[in-house]
Amino acid sequence: MSGVEFNIMDKKVALITGINGQDGSYLAEFLLGKDYEVWGILKRNSVAENQTARIPDNVFKELNLVYGDLTDLSSLISVIQKCVPDEIYNLAAQSHVRISFDQPIYTSNVTGLGVLNLLEAVRLTDPKIKIYQASSSEMFGNNIDDDGYQRETTPMTPVSPYGCAKVYGYNICRNYRNSYGMFISNGILFNHESPRRGINFVTNKVAKEAVKIKLGLSNELKLGNMDASRDWGHAKDYIKAMWLILQHDTPDDFVCSTGISHSVKDLVVYVFNSLELDWTQYVSIDKKYLRPEELKHLKGDCSKIKKVLGWSLEYSFESMMDEMVEYWLEYYENCRT
């Protein structure tokens, strides 16, 4: 009887790599709400005070944070032995596509080989641990099915070092799943944003700079390819998908998307119109933001995850961008007071 009572009281343990990023901070918050014991890996950094800036204080105090690095197998083994997780969510990466052209080797080591290190660490310590791998729509490159969508069966021909590294991570996960019978699932996530997104990503860059222009703090916004189109969703919706994927009976791979695509120009027009600004007076193209090889169009078919796991979206593109604009309006208002 006491053993049964212990199991009822026992919490699931989750380990999150990249816990200090957009997705990691939302996922930690979500899992705490599910009564998980949450551990997170931080990469040791000389600027320690910036490490957890995205994590709300009420979430931070409930977390167990440890140092580790995807490029260091021994550190991963040590962390896993310490926290003994039921689930691992691998969200850590060098995730900026344009920067991956400037740092291709670093990107490949972290975003690609780092996945292999994590899988080996789990295989050597406890292969029963469930693993979620954050895969990316960037893996598809410019391949698109005849109906205009990318899905789980669409061929992958990436057009950036980041995309290439993600394809390696995706395939090595499938290989370990098939070779060793491990529970490893890929979430092929299309672009997902929020106020916690880094300001070097175009959605938050546009929201922040447009607000600065509205408040007289700036007079110009420089962008790259405005014709590129993306399937943008809200990070809060996508972290729910991550959790659902690991609750499934069997490991599998799922596309997570909205099924609606907008161009960068659409994004700019919507945000500037919401602030009653004429975008043509402020936006210019800067070649330094162009990629050596462009990914033109992304639009995902998420019918599989909706049908199999019952996933649904709460945010629209418009409500997501409204939230991001409102965040920056409040931020600069607070700076003035």
C-alpha atoms as a PDB file:
ATOM      1  CA  MET A   1       0.000   0.000   0.000  1.00  0.00           C
ATOM      2  CA  SER A   2       2.775   2.430   0.873  1.00  0.00           C
ATOM      3  CA  GLY A   3       4.389   1.789  -2.526  1.00  0.00           C
ATOM      4  CA  VAL A   4       1.161   2.737  -4.311  1.00  0.00           C
ATOM      5  CA  GLU A   5       0.857   5.894  -2.238  1.00  0.00           C
ATOM      6  CA  PHE A   6       4.440   6.827  -3.085  1.00  0.00           C
ATOM      7  CA  ASN A   7       3.825   6.477  -6.823  1.00  0.00           C
ATOM      8  CA  ILE A   8       0.752   8.680  -6.597  1.00  0.00           C
ATOM      9  CA  MET A   9       2.752  11.381  -4.861  1.00  0.00           C
ATOM     10  CA  ASP A  10       5.837  10.961  -7.028  1.00  0.00           C
ATOM     11  CA  LYS A  11       6.328  13.739  -9.574  1.00  0.00           C
ATOM     12  CA  LYS A  12       7.463  13.270 -13.136  1.00  0.00           C
ATOM     13  CA  VAL A  13      10.911  14.732 -13.691  1.00  0.00           C
ATOM     14  CA  ALA A  14      11.693  16.719 -16.839  1.00  0.00           C
ATOM     15  CA  LEU A  15      15.079  17.981 -18.017  1.00  0.00           C
ATOM     16  CA  ILE A  16      15.132  20.906 -20.454  1.00  0.00           C
ATOM     17  CA  THR A  17      18.175  21.924 -22.475  1.00  0.00           C
ATOM     18  CA  GLY A  18      17.969  25.537 -23.587  1.00  0.00           C
ATOM     19  CA  ILE A  19      15.725  26.364 -20.633  1.00  0.00           C
ATOM     20  CA  ASN A  20      16.781  30.024 -20.755  1.00  0.00           C
ATOM     21  CA  GLY A  21      15.472  30.492 -24.305  1.00  0.00           C
ATOM     22  CA  GLN A  22      11.991  31.445 -25.454  1.00  0.00           C
ATOM     23  CA  ASP A  23      10.695  27.885 -25.718  1.00  0.00           C
ATOM     24  CA  GLY A  24      12.525  26.622 -22.650  1.00  0.00           C
ATOM     25  CA  SER A  25      11.112  29.323 -20.391  1.00  0.00           C
ATOM     26  CA  TYR A  26       7.535  28.724 -21.560  1.00  0.00           C
ATOM     27  CA  LEU A  27       7.944  24.950 -21.349  1.00  0.00           C
ATOM     28  CA  ALA A  28       9.312  25.153 -17.804  1.00  0.00           C
ATOM     29  CA  GLU A  29       6.322  27.248 -16.790  1.00  0.00           C
ATOM     30  CA  PHE A  30       3.936  24.820 -18.484  1.00  0.00           C
ATOM     31  CA  LEU A  31       5.468  21.693 -16.916  1.00  0.00           C
ATOM     32  CA  LEU A  32       5.457  23.224 -13.434  1.00  0.00           C
ATOM     33  CA  GLY A  33       1.743  23.769 -13.978  1.00  0.00           C
ATOM     34  CA  LYS A  34       1.510  20.025 -14.694  1.00  0.00           C
ATOM     35  CA  ASP A  35       3.218  19.360 -11.344  1.00  0.00           C
ATOM     36  CA  TYR A  36       6.535  18.237 -12.817  1.00  0.00           C
ATOM     37  CA  GLU A  37       9.869  18.546 -11.102  1.00  0.00           C
ATOM     38  CA  VAL A  38      11.747  20.637 -13.663  1.00  0.00           C
ATOM     39  CA  TRP A  39      15.493  20.699 -14.231  1.00  0.00           C
ATOM     40  CA  GLY A  40      17.254  22.908 -16.727  1.00  0.00           C
ATOM     41  CA  ILE A  41      20.716  22.967 -18.249  1.00  0.00           C
ATOM     42  CA  LEU A  42      22.528  26.270 -18.491  1.00  0.00           C
ATOM     43  CA  LYS A  43      25.698  26.716 -20.476  1.00  0.00           C
ATOM     44  CA  ARG A  44      28.334  28.324 -18.275  1.00  0.00           C
ATOM     45  CA  ASN A  45      28.645  31.944 -19.309  1.00  0.00           C
ATOM     46  CA  SER A  46      30.831  34.771 -18.082  1.00  0.00           C
ATOM     47  CA  VAL A  47      27.765  37.058 -18.162  1.00  0.00           C
ATOM     48  CA  ALA A  48      25.778  35.009 -15.675  1.00  0.00           C
ATOM     49  CA  GLU A  49      23.178  37.680 -14.906  1.00  0.00           C
ATOM     50  CA  ASN A  50      21.766  37.395 -18.452  1.00  0.00           C
ATOM     51  CA  GLN A  51      21.371  33.639 -18.372  1.00  0.00           C
ATOM     52  CA  THR A  52      17.837  33.493 -17.004  1.00  0.00           C
ATOM     53  CA  ALA A  53      16.410  36.844 -18.106  1.00  0.00           C
ATOM     54  CA  ARG A  54      13.464  35.243 -19.952  1.00  0.00           C
ATOM     55  CA  ILE A  55      12.379  33.117 -16.975  1.00  0.00           C
ATOM     56  CA  PRO A  56       9.772  34.817 -14.728  1.00  0.00           C
ATOM     57  CA  ASP A  57      10.765  35.079 -11.066  1.00  0.00           C
ATOM     58  CA  ASN A  58       7.899  32.870  -9.871  1.00  0.00           C
ATOM     59  CA  VAL A  59       9.049  30.142 -12.281  1.00  0.00           C
ATOM     60  CA  PHE A  60      12.763  30.590 -11.606  1.00  0.00           C
ATOM     61  CA  LYS A  61      12.448  29.838  -7.895  1.00  0.00           C
ATOM     62  CA  GLU A  62      10.810  26.469  -8.650  1.00  0.00           C
ATOM     63  CA  LEU A  63      13.525  25.274 -11.039  1.00  0.00           C
ATOM     64  CA  ASN A  64      16.600  23.134 -10.521  1.00  0.00           C
ATOM     65  CA  LEU A  65      19.313  24.640 -12.714  1.00  0.00           C
ATOM     66  CA  VAL A  66      22.627  22.958 -13.476  1.00  0.00           C
ATOM     67  CA  TYR A  67      25.538  23.712 -15.775  1.00  0.00           C
ATOM     68  CA  GLY A  68      26.124  21.559 -18.835  1.00  0.00           C
ATOM     69  CA  ASP A  69      26.902  21.745 -22.528  1.00  0.00           C
ATOM     70  CA  LEU A  70      25.630  19.785 -25.519  1.00  0.00           C
ATOM     71  CA  THR A  71      29.176  19.647 -26.866  1.00  0.00           C
ATOM     72  CA  ASP A  72      30.446  17.946 -23.672  1.00  0.00           C
ATOM     73  CA  LEU A  73      29.235  14.338 -23.350  1.00  0.00           C
ATOM     74  CA  SER A  74      30.589  13.920 -19.823  1.00  0.00           C
ATOM     75  CA  SER A  75      28.646  16.935 -18.550  1.00  0.00           C
ATOM     76  CA  LEU A  76      25.424  15.550 -20.026  1.00  0.00           C
ATOM     77  CA  ILE A  77      25.965  12.155 -18.403  1.00  0.00           C
ATOM     78  CA  SER A  78      26.615  13.882 -15.075  1.00  0.00           C
ATOM     79  CA  VAL A  79      23.420  15.962 -15.317  1.00  0.00           C
ATOM     80  CA  ILE A  80      21.272  12.967 -16.241  1.00  0.00           C
ATOM     81  CA  GLN A  81      22.668  10.936 -13.353  1.00  0.00           C
ATOM     82  CA  LYS A  82      21.960  13.820 -11.005  1.00  0.00           C
ATOM     83  CA  CYS A  83      18.353  14.594 -11.933  1.00  0.00           C
ATOM     84  CA  VAL A  84      17.200  11.131 -13.183  1.00  0.00           C
ATOM     85  CA  PRO A  85      14.600  12.487 -15.643  1.00  0.00           C
ATOM     86  CA  ASP A  86      11.560  10.742 -17.070  1.00  0.00           C
ATOM     87  CA  GLU A  87      11.534  13.128 -20.038  1.00  0.00           C
ATOM     88  CA  ILE A  88      14.176  15.239 -21.773  1.00  0.00           C
ATOM     89  CA  TYR A  89      13.271  18.169 -24.012  1.00  0.00           C
ATOM     90  CA  ASN A  90      16.234  19.119 -26.200  1.00  0.00           C
ATOM     91  CA  LEU A  91      15.644  22.764 -27.106  1.00  0.00           C
ATOM     92  CA  ALA A  92      19.243  24.011 -27.006  1.00  0.00           C
ATOM     93  CA  ALA A  93      20.786  25.149 -30.296  1.00  0.00           C
ATOM     94  CA  GLN A  94      22.447  27.973 -32.136  1.00  0.00           C
ATOM     95  CA  SER A  95      19.070  28.802 -33.620  1.00  0.00           C
ATOM     96  CA  HIS A  96      19.537  31.941 -35.697  1.00  0.00           C
ATOM     97  CA  VAL A  97      19.612  30.998 -39.378  1.00  0.00           C
ATOM     98  CA  ARG A  98      21.466  34.064 -40.675  1.00  0.00           C
ATOM     99  CA  ILE A  99      24.124  33.727 -37.965  1.00  0.00           C
ATOM    100  CA  SER A 100      24.635  30.085 -38.936  1.00  0.00           C
ATOM    101  CA  PHE A 101      26.225  31.304 -42.186  1.00  0.00           C
ATOM    102  CA  ASP A 102      28.733  33.303 -40.127  1.00  0.00           C
ATOM    103  CA  GLN A 103      29.325  30.486 -37.603  1.00  0.00           C
ATOM    104  CA  PRO A 104      28.716  27.243 -39.524  1.00  0.00           C
ATOM    105  CA  ILE A 105      31.114  25.051 -37.526  1.00  0.00           C
ATOM    106  CA  TYR A 106      29.828  26.192 -34.143  1.00  0.00           C
ATOM    107  CA  THR A 107      26.250  25.780 -35.358  1.00  0.00           C
ATOM    108  CA  SER A 108      26.961  22.249 -36.582  1.00  0.00           C
ATOM    109  CA  ASN A 109      28.705  21.251 -33.359  1.00  0.00           C
ATOM    110  CA  VAL A 110      25.889  22.441 -31.110  1.00  0.00           C
ATOM    111  CA  THR A 111      22.775  22.032 -33.225  1.00  0.00           C
ATOM    112  CA  GLY A 112      23.862  18.809 -34.955  1.00  0.00           C
ATOM    113  CA  LEU A 113      26.506  16.863 -33.037  1.00  0.00           C
ATOM    114  CA  GLY A 114      25.108  18.125 -29.736  1.00  0.00           C
ATOM    115  CA  VAL A 115      22.025  15.992 -30.384  1.00  0.00           C
ATOM    116  CA  LEU A 116      24.219  12.907 -30.801  1.00  0.00           C
ATOM    117  CA  ASN A 117      25.973  13.658 -27.513  1.00  0.00           C
ATOM    118  CA  LEU A 118      22.625  13.849 -25.729  1.00  0.00           C
ATOM    119  CA  LEU A 119      21.369  10.603 -27.266  1.00  0.00           C
ATOM    120  CA  GLU A 120      24.589   8.824 -26.306  1.00  0.00           C
ATOM    121  CA  ALA A 121      24.358  10.181 -22.770  1.00  0.00           C
ATOM    122  CA  VAL A 122      20.843   8.788 -22.452  1.00  0.00           C
ATOM    123  CA  ARG A 123      21.740   5.469 -24.080  1.00  0.00           C
ATOM    124  CA  LEU A 124      24.651   4.996 -21.685  1.00  0.00           C
ATOM    125  CA  THR A 125      22.761   5.993 -18.533  1.00  0.00           C
ATOM    126  CA  ASP A 126      19.073   5.138 -18.921  1.00  0.00           C
ATOM    127  CA  PRO A 127      17.731   4.377 -22.423  1.00  0.00           C
ATOM    128  CA  LYS A 128      14.158   4.317 -21.090  1.00  0.00           C
ATOM    129  CA  ILE A 129      14.114   8.124 -20.792  1.00  0.00           C
ATOM    130  CA  LYS A 130      11.749   9.758 -23.295  1.00  0.00           C
ATOM    131  CA  ILE A 131      13.393  12.374 -25.525  1.00  0.00           C
ATOM    132  CA  TYR A 132      11.819  15.231 -27.447  1.00  0.00           C
ATOM    133  CA  GLN A 133      14.026  16.706 -30.184  1.00  0.00           C
ATOM    134  CA  ALA A 134      13.272  20.227 -31.408  1.00  0.00           C
ATOM    135  CA  SER A 135      13.459  19.843 -35.162  1.00  0.00           C
ATOM    136  CA  SER A 136      12.747  22.697 -37.540  1.00  0.00           C
ATOM    137  CA  SER A 137      10.863  23.621 -40.694  1.00  0.00           C
ATOM    138  CA  GLU A 138      14.194  24.972 -41.960  1.00  0.00           C
ATOM    139  CA  MET A 139      15.043  21.340 -42.733  1.00  0.00           C
ATOM    140  CA  PHE A 140      12.726  21.388 -45.754  1.00  0.00           C
ATOM    141  CA  GLY A 141      14.562  24.183 -47.527  1.00  0.00           C
ATOM    142  CA  ASN A 142      12.688  25.222 -50.653  1.00  0.00           C
ATOM    143  CA  ASN A 143      11.001  21.841 -51.101  1.00  0.00           C
ATOM    144  CA  ILE A 144       7.246  22.086 -51.001  1.00  0.00           C
ATOM    145  CA  ASP A 145       4.499  19.615 -51.900  1.00  0.00           C
ATOM    146  CA  ASP A 146       2.223  20.217 -54.870  1.00  0.00           C
ATOM    147  CA  ASP A 147      -0.568  21.540 -52.637  1.00  0.00           C
ATOM    148  CA  GLY A 148       1.702  24.285 -51.234  1.00  0.00           C
ATOM    149  CA  TYR A 149       2.416  22.685 -47.846  1.00  0.00           C
ATOM    150  CA  GLN A 150       5.311  20.975 -46.102  1.00  0.00           C
ATOM    151  CA  ARG A 151       4.534  17.896 -44.011  1.00  0.00           C
ATOM    152  CA  GLU A 152       6.255  14.939 -42.374  1.00  0.00           C
ATOM    153  CA  THR A 153       6.827  13.238 -45.752  1.00  0.00           C
ATOM    154  CA  THR A 154       8.177  16.286 -47.629  1.00  0.00           C
ATOM    155  CA  PRO A 155      11.807  15.742 -48.756  1.00  0.00           C
ATOM    156  CA  MET A 156      14.399  17.711 -46.799  1.00  0.00           C
ATOM    157  CA  THR A 157      16.931  19.817 -48.712  1.00  0.00           C
ATOM    158  CA  PRO A 158      18.057  22.560 -46.292  1.00  0.00           C
ATOM    159  CA  VAL A 159      19.507  25.832 -47.552  1.00  0.00           C
ATOM    160  CA  SER A 160      21.482  26.969 -44.472  1.00  0.00           C
ATOM    161  CA  PRO A 161      24.091  25.515 -42.092  1.00  0.00           C
ATOM    162  CA  TYR A 162      21.409  25.671 -39.393  1.00  0.00           C
ATOM    163  CA  GLY A 163      18.990  23.651 -41.514  1.00  0.00           C
ATOM    164  CA  CYS A 164      21.712  21.119 -42.363  1.00  0.00           C
ATOM    165  CA  ALA A 165      22.563  20.683 -38.677  1.00  0.00           C
ATOM    166  CA  LYS A 166      18.891  20.210 -37.826  1.00  0.00           C
ATOM    167  CA  VAL A 167      18.532  17.519 -40.507  1.00  0.00           C
ATOM    168  CA  TYR A 168      21.440  15.636 -38.943  1.00  0.00           C
ATOM    169  CA  GLY A 169      19.828  15.911 -35.507  1.00  0.00           C
ATOM    170  CA  TYR A 170      16.487  14.753 -36.906  1.00  0.00           C
ATOM    171  CA  ASN A 171      17.988  11.731 -38.656  1.00  0.00           C
ATOM    172  CA  ILE A 172      20.249  10.633 -35.812  1.00  0.00           C
ATOM    173  CA  CYS A 173      17.177  10.671 -33.551  1.00  0.00           C
ATOM    174  CA  ARG A 174      15.337   8.394 -35.970  1.00  0.00           C
ATOM    175  CA  ASN A 175      18.409   6.170 -36.200  1.00  0.00           C
ATOM    176  CA  TYR A 176      18.714   5.770 -32.413  1.00  0.00           C
ATOM    177  CA  ARG A 177      14.973   5.179 -32.142  1.00  0.00           C
ATOM    178  CA  ASN A 178      15.113   2.375 -34.694  1.00  0.00           C
ATOM    179  CA  SER A 179      18.482   0.930 -33.647  1.00  0.00           C
ATOM    180  CA  TYR A 180      18.078   0.904 -29.868  1.00  0.00           C
ATOM    181  CA  GLY A 181      14.316   0.994 -29.338  1.00  0.00           C
ATOM    182  CA  MET A 182      14.535   4.336 -27.547  1.00  0.00           C
ATOM    183  CA  PHE A 183      11.554   6.671 -27.167  1.00  0.00           C
ATOM    184  CA  ILE A 184      12.747   9.606 -29.267  1.00  0.00           C
ATOM    185  CA  SER A 185      10.321  11.911 -31.069  1.00  0.00           C
ATOM    186  CA  ASN A 186      10.906  14.861 -33.381  1.00  0.00           C
ATOM    187  CA  GLY A 187       8.686  17.912 -33.310  1.00  0.00           C
ATOM    188  CA  ILE A 188       9.141  19.622 -36.683  1.00  0.00           C
ATOM    189  CA  LEU A 189       8.235  23.099 -35.517  1.00  0.00           C
ATOM    190  CA  PHE A 190       7.555  25.943 -37.889  1.00  0.00           C
ATOM    191  CA  ASN A 191       8.382  29.497 -36.809  1.00  0.00           C
ATOM    192  CA  HIS A 192       6.950  30.343 -33.397  1.00  0.00           C
ATOM    193  CA  GLU A 193       7.230  33.683 -31.675  1.00  0.00           C
ATOM    194  CA  SER A 194       6.347  35.657 -28.538  1.00  0.00           C
ATOM    195  CA  PRO A 195       7.503  38.667 -26.516  1.00  0.00           C
ATOM    196  CA  ARG A 196      10.283  36.396 -25.204  1.00  0.00           C
ATOM    197  CA  ARG A 197      11.704  35.909 -28.700  1.00  0.00           C
ATOM    198  CA  GLY A 198      15.192  37.274 -29.278  1.00  0.00           C
ATOM    199  CA  ILE A 199      15.154  40.750 -30.832  1.00  0.00           C
ATOM    200  CA  ASN A 200      17.404  39.583 -33.665  1.00  0.00           C
ATOM    201  CA  PHE A 201      14.463  37.510 -34.965  1.00  0.00           C
ATOM    202  CA  VAL A 202      12.345  39.407 -37.450  1.00  0.00           C
ATOM    203  CA  THR A 203       8.979  39.289 -35.647  1.00  0.00           C
ATOM    204  CA  ASN A 204      10.234  40.816 -32.423  1.00  0.00           C
ATOM    205  CA  LYS A 205      12.637  43.090 -34.281  1.00  0.00           C
ATOM    206  CA  VAL A 206       9.742  44.581 -36.261  1.00  0.00           C
ATOM    207  CA  ALA A 207       7.509  44.882 -33.177  1.00  0.00           C
ATOM    208  CA  LYS A 208      10.206  46.575 -31.091  1.00  0.00           C
ATOM    209  CA  GLU A 209      11.456  48.975 -33.755  1.00  0.00           C
ATOM    210  CA  ALA A 210       7.953  49.963 -34.865  1.00  0.00           C
ATOM    211  CA  VAL A 211       7.093  50.866 -31.271  1.00  0.00           C
ATOM    212  CA  LYS A 212      10.319  52.871 -30.974  1.00  0.00           C
ATOM    213  CA  ILE A 213       9.400  54.757 -34.158  1.00  0.00           C
ATOM    214  CA  LYS A 214       5.901  55.412 -32.803  1.00  0.00           C
ATOM    215  CA  LEU A 215       7.374  56.825 -29.589  1.00  0.00           C
ATOM    216  CA  GLY A 216       9.944  58.960 -31.406  1.00  0.00           C
ATOM    217  CA  LEU A 217      12.875  56.831 -30.234  1.00  0.00           C
ATOM    218  CA  SER A 218      13.904  55.723 -33.725  1.00  0.00           C
ATOM    219  CA  ASN A 219      13.235  56.669 -37.333  1.00  0.00           C
ATOM    220  CA  GLU A 220      14.325  53.644 -39.371  1.00  0.00           C
ATOM    221  CA  LEU A 221      13.906  49.873 -39.577  1.00  0.00           C
ATOM    222  CA  LYS A 222      16.367  47.886 -41.708  1.00  0.00           C
ATOM    223  CA  LEU A 223      15.384  44.433 -42.930  1.00  0.00           C
ATOM    224  CA  GLY A 224      16.483  41.741 -45.374  1.00  0.00           C
ATOM    225  CA  ASN A 225      14.269  39.826 -47.799  1.00  0.00           C
ATOM    226  CA  MET A 226      10.720  41.112 -47.318  1.00  0.00           C
ATOM    227  CA  ASP A 227       9.259  38.656 -49.840  1.00  0.00           C
ATOM    228  CA  ALA A 228      10.154  35.588 -47.767  1.00  0.00           C
ATOM    229  CA  SER A 229       7.048  34.010 -46.240  1.00  0.00           C
ATOM    230  CA  ARG A 230       6.791  32.024 -43.025  1.00  0.00           C
ATOM    231  CA  ASP A 231       4.215  30.067 -41.061  1.00  0.00           C
ATOM    232  CA  TRP A 232       4.290  31.963 -37.758  1.00  0.00           C
ATOM    233  CA  GLY A 233       2.602  30.690 -34.593  1.00  0.00           C
ATOM    234  CA  HIS A 234       2.826  31.471 -30.883  1.00  0.00           C
ATOM    235  CA  ALA A 235       5.424  29.685 -28.748  1.00  0.00           C
ATOM    236  CA  LYS A 236       2.843  28.960 -26.034  1.00  0.00           C
ATOM    237  CA  ASP A 237       0.855  26.815 -28.471  1.00  0.00           C
ATOM    238  CA  TYR A 238       3.965  24.992 -29.629  1.00  0.00           C
ATOM    239  CA  ILE A 239       5.295  24.029 -26.210  1.00  0.00           C
ATOM    240  CA  LYS A 240       1.971  22.292 -25.560  1.00  0.00           C
ATOM    241  CA  ALA A 241       2.651  20.272 -28.706  1.00  0.00           C
ATOM    242  CA  MET A 242       6.070  19.266 -27.348  1.00  0.00           C
ATOM    243  CA  TRP A 243       4.500  17.877 -24.197  1.00  0.00           C
ATOM    244  CA  LEU A 244       1.737  16.063 -26.074  1.00  0.00           C
ATOM    245  CA  ILE A 245       4.314  14.401 -28.322  1.00  0.00           C
ATOM    246  CA  LEU A 246       6.033  12.782 -25.322  1.00  0.00           C
ATOM    247  CA  GLN A 247       2.712  11.657 -23.816  1.00  0.00           C
ATOM    248  CA  HIS A 248       1.907   9.606 -26.918  1.00  0.00           C
ATOM    249  CA  ASP A 249       2.079   5.815 -26.577  1.00  0.00           C
ATOM    250  CA  THR A 250       4.758   5.463 -29.236  1.00  0.00           C
ATOM    251  CA  PRO A 251       7.571   7.718 -30.469  1.00  0.00           C
ATOM    252  CA  ASP A 252       6.883   9.494 -33.747  1.00  0.00           C
ATOM    253  CA  ASP A 253       7.565  12.670 -35.710  1.00  0.00           C
ATOM    254  CA  PHE A 254       5.056  15.527 -36.001  1.00  0.00           C
ATOM    255  CA  VAL A 255       4.835  18.797 -37.904  1.00  0.00           C
ATOM    256  CA  CYS A 256       3.655  21.688 -35.702  1.00  0.00           C
ATOM    257  CA  SER A 257       2.399  24.708 -37.653  1.00  0.00           C
ATOM    258  CA  THR A 258      -0.588  26.977 -38.202  1.00  0.00           C
ATOM    259  CA  GLY A 259      -1.101  26.158 -41.879  1.00  0.00           C
ATOM    260  CA  ILE A 260      -1.138  29.876 -42.719  1.00  0.00           C
ATOM    261  CA  SER A 261       1.775  31.759 -44.245  1.00  0.00           C
ATOM    262  CA  HIS A 262       2.596  35.476 -44.166  1.00  0.00           C
ATOM    263  CA  SER A 263       5.404  37.361 -45.866  1.00  0.00           C
ATOM    264  CA  VAL A 264       7.791  39.609 -43.979  1.00  0.00           C
ATOM    265  CA  LYS A 265       6.096  42.484 -45.794  1.00  0.00           C
ATOM    266  CA  ASP A 266       2.705  41.291 -44.470  1.00  0.00           C
ATOM    267  CA  LEU A 267       4.213  41.297 -40.983  1.00  0.00           C
ATOM    268  CA  VAL A 268       5.568  44.825 -41.363  1.00  0.00           C
ATOM    269  CA  VAL A 269       2.321  46.186 -42.799  1.00  0.00           C
ATOM    270  CA  TYR A 270       0.236  44.648 -39.993  1.00  0.00           C
ATOM    271  CA  VAL A 271       2.445  45.936 -37.171  1.00  0.00           C
ATOM    272  CA  PHE A 272       2.866  49.460 -38.583  1.00  0.00           C
ATOM    273  CA  ASN A 273      -0.849  49.743 -39.342  1.00  0.00           C
ATOM    274  CA  SER A 274      -1.664  48.701 -35.770  1.00  0.00           C
ATOM    275  CA  LEU A 275       0.417  51.684 -34.611  1.00  0.00           C
ATOM    276  CA  GLU A 276      -1.065  54.003 -37.261  1.00  0.00           C
ATOM    277  CA  LEU A 277       2.255  54.364 -39.056  1.00  0.00           C
ATOM    278  CA  ASP A 278       3.079  54.392 -42.771  1.00  0.00           C
ATOM    279  CA  TRP A 279       5.723  51.678 -43.045  1.00  0.00           C
ATOM    280  CA  THR A 280       7.012  52.959 -46.393  1.00  0.00           C
ATOM    281  CA  GLN A 281       8.390  56.034 -44.644  1.00  0.00           C
ATOM    282  CA  TYR A 282      10.622  54.049 -42.292  1.00  0.00           C
ATOM    283  CA  VAL A 283      11.541  50.612 -43.677  1.00  0.00           C
ATOM    284  CA  SER A 284      14.570  49.989 -45.895  1.00  0.00           C
ATOM    285  CA  ILE A 285      16.476  46.944 -47.160  1.00  0.00           C
ATOM    286  CA  ASP A 286      19.994  46.284 -45.869  1.00  0.00           C
ATOM    287  CA  LYS A 287      21.994  43.667 -47.772  1.00  0.00           C
ATOM    288  CA  LYS A 288      23.744  42.497 -44.621  1.00  0.00           C
ATOM    289  CA  TYR A 289      20.480  40.866 -43.507  1.00  0.00           C
ATOM    290  CA  LEU A 290      20.150  38.835 -46.715  1.00  0.00           C
ATOM    291  CA  ARG A 291      21.127  35.160 -46.609  1.00  0.00           C
ATOM    292  CA  PRO A 292      23.636  33.709 -49.095  1.00  0.00           C
ATOM    293  CA  GLU A 293      20.885  31.233 -50.036  1.00  0.00           C
ATOM    294  CA  GLU A 294      17.307  32.230 -49.319  1.00  0.00           C
ATOM    295  CA  LEU A 295      14.476  30.051 -48.032  1.00  0.00           C
ATOM    296  CA  LYS A 296      11.494  31.457 -49.874  1.00  0.00           C
ATOM    297  CA  HIS A 297       8.337  29.905 -48.454  1.00  0.00           C
ATOM    298  CA  LEU A 298       7.248  27.852 -45.445  1.00  0.00           C
ATOM    299  CA  LYS A 299       3.724  26.617 -44.724  1.00  0.00           C
ATOM    300  CA  GLY A 300       3.114  23.497 -42.669  1.00  0.00           C
ATOM    301  CA  ASP A 301       0.407  20.856 -42.716  1.00  0.00           C
ATOM    302  CA  CYS A 302      -0.305  20.074 -39.051  1.00  0.00           C
ATOM    303  CA  SER A 303      -3.210  17.680 -39.691  1.00  0.00           C
ATOM    304  CA  LYS A 304      -1.319  14.680 -38.267  1.00  0.00           C
ATOM    305  CA  ILE A 305      -0.673  16.142 -34.809  1.00  0.00           C
ATOM    306  CA  LYS A 306      -4.220  17.498 -34.642  1.00  0.00           C
ATOM    307  CA  LYS A 307      -5.707  14.124 -35.523  1.00  0.00           C
ATOM    308  CA  VAL A 308      -3.375  11.868 -33.512  1.00  0.00           C
ATOM    309  CA  LEU A 309      -2.725  14.008 -30.416  1.00  0.00           C
ATOM    310  CA  GLY A 310      -5.670  16.420 -30.412  1.00  0.00           C
ATOM    311  CA  TRP A 311      -3.440  19.494 -30.576  1.00  0.00           C
ATOM    312  CA  SER A 312      -5.129  22.838 -31.216  1.00  0.00           C
ATOM    313  CA  LEU A 313      -4.113  26.478 -31.558  1.00  0.00           C
ATOM    314  CA  GLU A 314      -5.218  29.289 -29.260  1.00  0.00           C
ATOM    315  CA  TYR A 315      -3.345  32.160 -30.934  1.00  0.00           C
ATOM    316  CA  SER A 316      -3.696  33.659 -34.390  1.00  0.00           C
ATOM    317  CA  PHE A 317      -0.933  35.519 -36.223  1.00  0.00           C
ATOM    318  CA  GLU A 318      -2.728  38.786 -35.431  1.00  0.00           C
ATOM    319  CA  SER A 319      -3.208  38.130 -31.702  1.00  0.00           C
ATOM    320  CA  MET A 320       0.427  37.027 -31.431  1.00  0.00           C
ATOM    321  CA  MET A 321       1.746  40.204 -33.040  1.00  0.00           C
ATOM    322  CA  ASP A 322      -0.655  42.357 -31.003  1.00  0.00           C
ATOM    323  CA  GLU A 323       0.787  40.814 -27.838  1.00  0.00           C
ATOM    324  CA  MET A 324       4.344  41.535 -28.952  1.00  0.00           C
ATOM    325  CA  VAL A 325       3.559  45.145 -29.832  1.00  0.00           C
ATOM    326  CA  GLU A 326       1.782  45.623 -26.509  1.00  0.00           C
ATOM    327  CA  TYR A 327       4.785  44.202 -24.673  1.00  0.00           C
ATOM    328  CA  TRP A 328       7.120  46.807 -26.185  1.00  0.00           C
ATOM    329  CA  LEU A 329       4.657  49.638 -25.606  1.00  0.00           C
ATOM    330  CA  GLU A 330       4.506  48.710 -21.919  1.00  0.00           C
ATOM    331  CA  TYR A 331       8.273  48.221 -21.767  1.00  0.00           C
ATOM    332  CA  TYR A 332       9.072  51.711 -23.012  1.00  0.00           C
ATOM    333  CA  GLU A 333       6.297  53.241 -20.938  1.00  0.00           C
ATOM    334  CA  ASN A 334       7.873  51.683 -17.834  1.00  0.00           C
ATOM    335  CA  CYS A 335      11.274  52.991 -18.907  1.00  0.00           C
ATOM    336  CA  ARG A 336       9.873  56.510 -18.812  1.00  0.00           C
ATOM    337  CA  THR A 337       8.453  56.214 -15.293  1.00  0.00           C
END
